[in-house]
Amino acid sequence: MKQLWLDADLTASRLRPDPAQWRRLRKVLRFKDGQRVMVADGNGARRTYELSGDTLLANAPLHHAPQHARRIHVGVGVLKGERQSWLLQKLVEVGATDIAPLGLTHCVVKLAADRAEKRKLRWDAIAIEAFEQCGRSQLPTISGVQRLASWLGSLPEGTRVAWCDERDRAVALTKWVADNQTNDLALVIGPEGGLSDEERTLLQRAGAAPVHLGDAVLRAETAAIVATWTAAHTA
């Protein structure tokens, strides 16, 4: 059954999507009267509804999916073009709790304020589409472009931080995750040009640990996906 994200109170037995959402249901997804859809609010609540005219009618009890105890916060240098969009999609699918595109020293992409705002709207749409496709119960949040120091300062208290970098092979990510049984883990992945010496120093001062993903030097988007999956699924 298709999962649909709606910012709605799913305790209601009747929902009326706004015009944009309704057009998407009818024109893009091509839903017909009588068709059922799993509506999710992105915060763990789900309920099956049936389309009827301009209304969604509940035909099943409300269900709350349990939240995962471990939250994975991902900060990754902004990539060029469709690589960035593809990366965000996959990070949603593999279990990131929230994603922060970082404006790092070696990022090729430098977004002006107006472009950054438009890009953020596109990123939100990508996250919603990936959430609907993969059937997760929690919709990850994607921030606007941040500086590394600001993002580190915004992490929940007690978060353990690691950065992935080909220069430092101190510990495997799997071992670091196993050794840090906390609710909040944060991962930093550099852009195509890697992290600068200043950024490494900042991370060290913040108590972050250098980790590796294996012997191969991975592209930034590959490293981010592998690291997120590993952190989310290592016992």
Protein backbone atom coordinates (compact mmCIF):
# COMPACT_ATOMS: atom_id res chain seq x y z
CA MET A 1 0.00 0.00 0.00
CA LYS A 2 1.31 3.45 -0.93
CA GLN A 3 2.45 5.56 2.00
CA LEU A 4 1.53 9.23 1.82
CA TRP A 5 2.90 11.98 4.04
CA LEU A 6 0.42 14.54 5.31
CA ASP A 7 0.96 17.17 7.98
CA ALA A 8 -2.33 16.26 9.65
CA ASP A 9 -3.91 15.04 12.87
CA LEU A 10 -4.48 11.37 12.19
CA THR A 11 -6.87 10.96 15.11
CA ALA A 12 -9.42 12.57 12.75
CA SER A 13 -11.62 10.13 10.85
CA ARG A 14 -11.88 12.57 7.93
CA LEU A 15 -9.03 14.46 6.31
CA ARG A 16 -9.21 17.12 3.63
CA PRO A 17 -5.81 17.61 1.98
CA ASP A 18 -4.99 21.10 0.79
CA PRO A 19 -5.30 21.79 -2.97
CA ALA A 20 -1.63 21.08 -3.71
CA GLN A 21 -1.73 17.76 -1.87
CA TRP A 22 -4.98 16.83 -3.57
CA ARG A 23 -3.58 17.56 -7.02
CA ARG A 24 -0.62 15.33 -6.20
CA LEU A 25 -2.94 12.50 -5.13
CA ARG A 26 -5.14 12.75 -8.20
CA LYS A 27 -2.83 13.96 -10.97
CA VAL A 28 0.60 12.64 -10.01
CA LEU A 29 -0.16 9.48 -8.04
CA ARG A 30 -3.41 8.89 -9.99
CA PHE A 31 -5.45 7.71 -7.03
CA LYS A 32 -9.14 6.95 -7.64
CA ASP A 33 -12.20 6.97 -5.40
CA GLY A 34 -12.28 3.88 -3.21
CA GLN A 35 -8.51 3.42 -3.29
CA ARG A 36 -6.79 3.02 0.06
CA VAL A 37 -3.64 4.80 1.16
CA MET A 38 -1.48 4.61 4.28
CA VAL A 39 -1.26 8.16 5.61
CA ALA A 40 1.76 8.94 7.83
CA ASP A 41 2.39 12.15 9.76
CA GLY A 42 6.17 11.68 9.87
CA ASN A 43 6.19 11.45 13.66
CA GLY A 44 5.37 7.76 13.97
CA ALA A 45 1.59 7.85 13.49
CA ARG A 46 0.01 5.95 10.59
CA ARG A 47 -3.55 5.24 9.53
CA THR A 48 -5.25 3.77 6.50
CA TYR A 49 -7.66 6.06 4.66
CA GLU A 50 -9.88 5.65 1.61
CA LEU A 51 -10.36 8.30 -1.02
CA SER A 52 -13.89 9.62 -1.42
CA GLY A 53 -14.40 12.77 -3.49
CA ASP A 54 -12.30 15.49 -1.89
CA THR A 55 -12.02 13.65 1.44
CA LEU A 56 -9.93 10.89 2.95
CA LEU A 57 -12.02 8.60 5.18
CA ALA A 58 -10.32 6.51 7.87
CA ASN A 59 -11.05 2.78 7.64
CA ALA A 60 -8.59 1.42 10.21
CA PRO A 61 -7.40 2.25 13.74
CA LEU A 62 -4.56 4.70 14.32
CA HIS A 63 -1.19 3.01 14.69
CA HIS A 64 1.92 4.43 16.37
CA ALA A 65 5.22 2.91 15.28
CA PRO A 66 7.87 2.73 18.01
CA GLN A 67 10.74 5.17 17.64
CA HIS A 68 14.26 3.84 17.25
CA ALA A 69 16.31 4.38 20.37
CA ARG A 70 19.36 5.47 18.37
CA ARG A 71 19.24 8.76 16.46
CA ILE A 72 21.71 9.35 13.62
CA HIS A 73 22.55 12.99 12.88
CA VAL A 74 24.38 13.39 9.56
CA GLY A 75 26.39 16.43 8.50
CA VAL A 76 27.74 16.21 4.96
CA GLY A 77 29.47 18.73 2.71
CA VAL A 78 27.25 20.08 -0.06
CA LEU A 79 27.81 18.22 -3.35
CA LYS A 80 27.34 19.27 -6.94
CA GLY A 81 24.06 19.01 -8.83
CA GLU A 82 22.09 15.79 -8.79
CA ARG A 83 24.64 14.06 -6.58
CA GLN A 84 23.33 16.13 -3.66
CA SER A 85 19.69 15.27 -4.42
CA TRP A 86 20.51 11.59 -4.83
CA LEU A 87 22.47 11.56 -1.58
CA LEU A 88 19.64 13.11 0.44
CA GLN A 89 17.19 10.58 -0.97
CA LYS A 90 19.41 7.66 0.03
CA LEU A 91 20.18 9.04 3.50
CA VAL A 92 16.44 9.12 4.20
CA GLU A 93 16.13 5.53 3.01
CA VAL A 94 19.01 4.13 5.09
CA GLY A 95 17.99 5.66 8.41
CA ALA A 96 19.28 9.20 9.01
CA THR A 97 17.31 10.99 11.71
CA ASP A 98 18.24 14.43 10.43
CA ILE A 99 20.55 15.73 7.73
CA ALA A 100 22.57 18.95 7.66
CA PRO A 101 24.17 20.02 4.37
CA LEU A 102 27.41 21.66 5.49
CA GLY A 103 29.18 24.56 3.82
CA LEU A 104 32.72 23.29 4.22
CA THR A 105 35.97 24.81 3.01
CA HIS A 106 36.49 22.45 0.09
CA CYS A 107 32.89 22.37 -1.12
CA VAL A 108 32.72 23.18 -4.81
CA VAL A 109 29.14 24.45 -4.46
CA LYS A 110 28.73 27.88 -2.85
CA LEU A 111 25.06 28.81 -2.58
CA ALA A 112 23.86 32.41 -2.42
CA ALA A 113 21.00 33.07 0.01
CA ASP A 114 18.24 33.07 -2.62
CA ARG A 115 19.53 29.90 -4.26
CA ALA A 116 19.95 28.21 -0.88
CA GLU A 117 16.31 28.90 0.01
CA LYS A 118 15.06 27.42 -3.27
CA ARG A 119 17.37 24.43 -2.87
CA LYS A 120 16.03 23.83 0.65
CA LEU A 121 12.47 23.57 -0.71
CA ARG A 122 13.67 21.01 -3.24
CA TRP A 123 15.51 19.06 -0.55
CA ASP A 124 12.37 18.92 1.60
CA ALA A 125 10.39 17.53 -1.34
CA ILE A 126 13.07 14.88 -1.93
CA ALA A 127 12.93 13.82 1.73
CA ILE A 128 9.15 13.47 1.62
CA GLU A 129 9.23 11.43 -1.59
CA ALA A 130 11.90 9.11 -0.15
CA PHE A 131 9.96 8.77 3.12
CA GLU A 132 6.84 7.76 1.23
CA GLN A 133 8.71 5.32 -0.97
CA CYS A 134 10.64 3.46 1.73
CA GLY A 135 7.85 3.31 4.32
CA ARG A 136 9.72 4.74 7.29
CA SER A 137 7.65 5.91 10.24
CA GLN A 138 9.80 8.96 11.04
CA LEU A 139 10.33 11.70 8.46
CA PRO A 140 13.92 12.99 8.72
CA THR A 141 14.45 16.73 8.78
CA ILE A 142 16.84 18.46 6.37
CA SER A 143 18.26 21.80 7.45
CA GLY A 144 19.45 24.64 5.30
CA VAL A 145 23.18 24.89 4.63
CA GLN A 146 25.08 25.29 7.91
CA ARG A 147 28.62 25.95 9.02
CA LEU A 148 30.30 23.07 10.80
CA ALA A 149 30.68 24.90 14.13
CA SER A 150 27.01 25.91 14.18
CA TRP A 151 25.85 22.39 13.44
CA LEU A 152 28.07 20.86 16.13
CA GLY A 153 26.67 23.36 18.62
CA SER A 154 23.09 22.43 17.74
CA LEU A 155 23.45 18.69 18.42
CA PRO A 156 21.61 17.25 21.44
CA GLU A 157 23.55 17.14 24.68
CA GLY A 158 25.54 13.94 25.01
CA THR A 159 25.85 13.31 21.27
CA ARG A 160 28.98 11.43 20.29
CA VAL A 161 30.54 12.67 17.06
CA ALA A 162 32.77 10.95 14.50
CA TRP A 163 34.18 12.08 11.19
CA CYS A 164 34.96 9.85 8.22
CA ASP A 165 38.22 10.64 6.54
CA GLU A 166 40.72 8.72 4.45
CA ARG A 167 43.70 10.23 6.33
CA ASP A 168 42.73 8.91 9.75
CA ARG A 169 42.30 5.20 10.29
CA ALA A 170 42.22 5.16 14.09
CA VAL A 171 39.17 2.92 14.50
CA ALA A 172 36.59 1.19 12.33
CA LEU A 173 33.18 2.83 12.40
CA THR A 174 31.57 -0.44 13.50
CA LYS A 175 33.81 -0.58 16.58
CA TRP A 176 33.21 3.11 17.36
CA VAL A 177 29.43 2.60 17.23
CA ALA A 178 29.65 -0.51 19.41
CA ASP A 179 31.77 1.40 21.93
CA ASN A 180 29.36 4.36 22.04
CA GLN A 181 26.01 2.98 23.12
CA THR A 182 24.29 6.36 23.34
CA ASN A 183 20.98 7.56 21.89
CA ASP A 184 22.56 10.21 19.67
CA LEU A 185 25.40 9.62 17.21
CA ALA A 186 26.58 12.25 14.73
CA LEU A 187 28.58 11.64 11.57
CA VAL A 188 30.56 14.21 9.57
CA ILE A 189 31.42 13.46 5.96
CA GLY A 190 33.53 15.89 3.96
CA PRO A 191 32.90 17.02 0.37
CA GLU A 192 34.87 15.97 -2.73
CA GLY A 193 37.98 17.74 -1.50
CA GLY A 194 37.80 16.32 2.01
CA LEU A 195 37.95 18.22 5.29
CA SER A 196 40.37 21.09 5.77
CA ASP A 197 42.99 21.11 8.53
CA GLU A 198 40.96 23.80 10.33
CA GLU A 199 37.84 21.64 10.22
CA ARG A 200 39.74 18.63 11.56
CA THR A 201 41.04 20.76 14.41
CA LEU A 202 37.53 21.98 15.17
CA LEU A 203 36.24 18.43 15.29
CA GLN A 204 39.08 17.29 17.53
CA ARG A 205 38.38 20.14 19.96
CA ALA A 206 34.70 19.11 19.98
CA GLY A 207 35.72 15.61 21.07
CA ALA A 208 34.97 13.96 17.73
CA ALA A 209 36.69 10.73 16.78
CA PRO A 210 38.25 9.90 13.38
CA VAL A 211 36.84 6.68 11.94
CA HIS A 212 37.29 4.67 8.75
CA LEU A 213 34.94 2.60 6.60
CA GLY A 214 37.52 0.19 5.22
CA ASP A 215 40.51 0.23 2.91
CA ALA A 216 38.83 1.76 -0.15
CA VAL A 217 38.69 5.54 -0.64
CA LEU A 218 34.98 6.21 -1.21
CA ARG A 219 33.29 9.10 -2.95
CA ALA A 220 31.64 11.52 -0.55
CA GLU A 221 28.10 10.36 -1.25
CA THR A 222 29.06 6.68 -0.99
CA ALA A 223 30.83 7.27 2.31
CA ALA A 224 27.82 9.13 3.72
CA ILE A 225 25.41 6.34 2.82
CA VAL A 226 27.67 3.53 4.07
CA ALA A 227 28.42 5.39 7.32
CA THR A 228 24.77 6.18 8.02
CA TRP A 229 23.63 2.61 7.36
CA THR A 230 26.42 1.24 9.53
CA ALA A 231 25.69 3.58 12.43
CA ALA A 232 21.94 2.92 12.24
CA HIS A 233 22.21 -0.88 12.07
CA THR A 234 25.27 -1.83 14.14
CA ALA A 235 24.22 -3.48 17.38
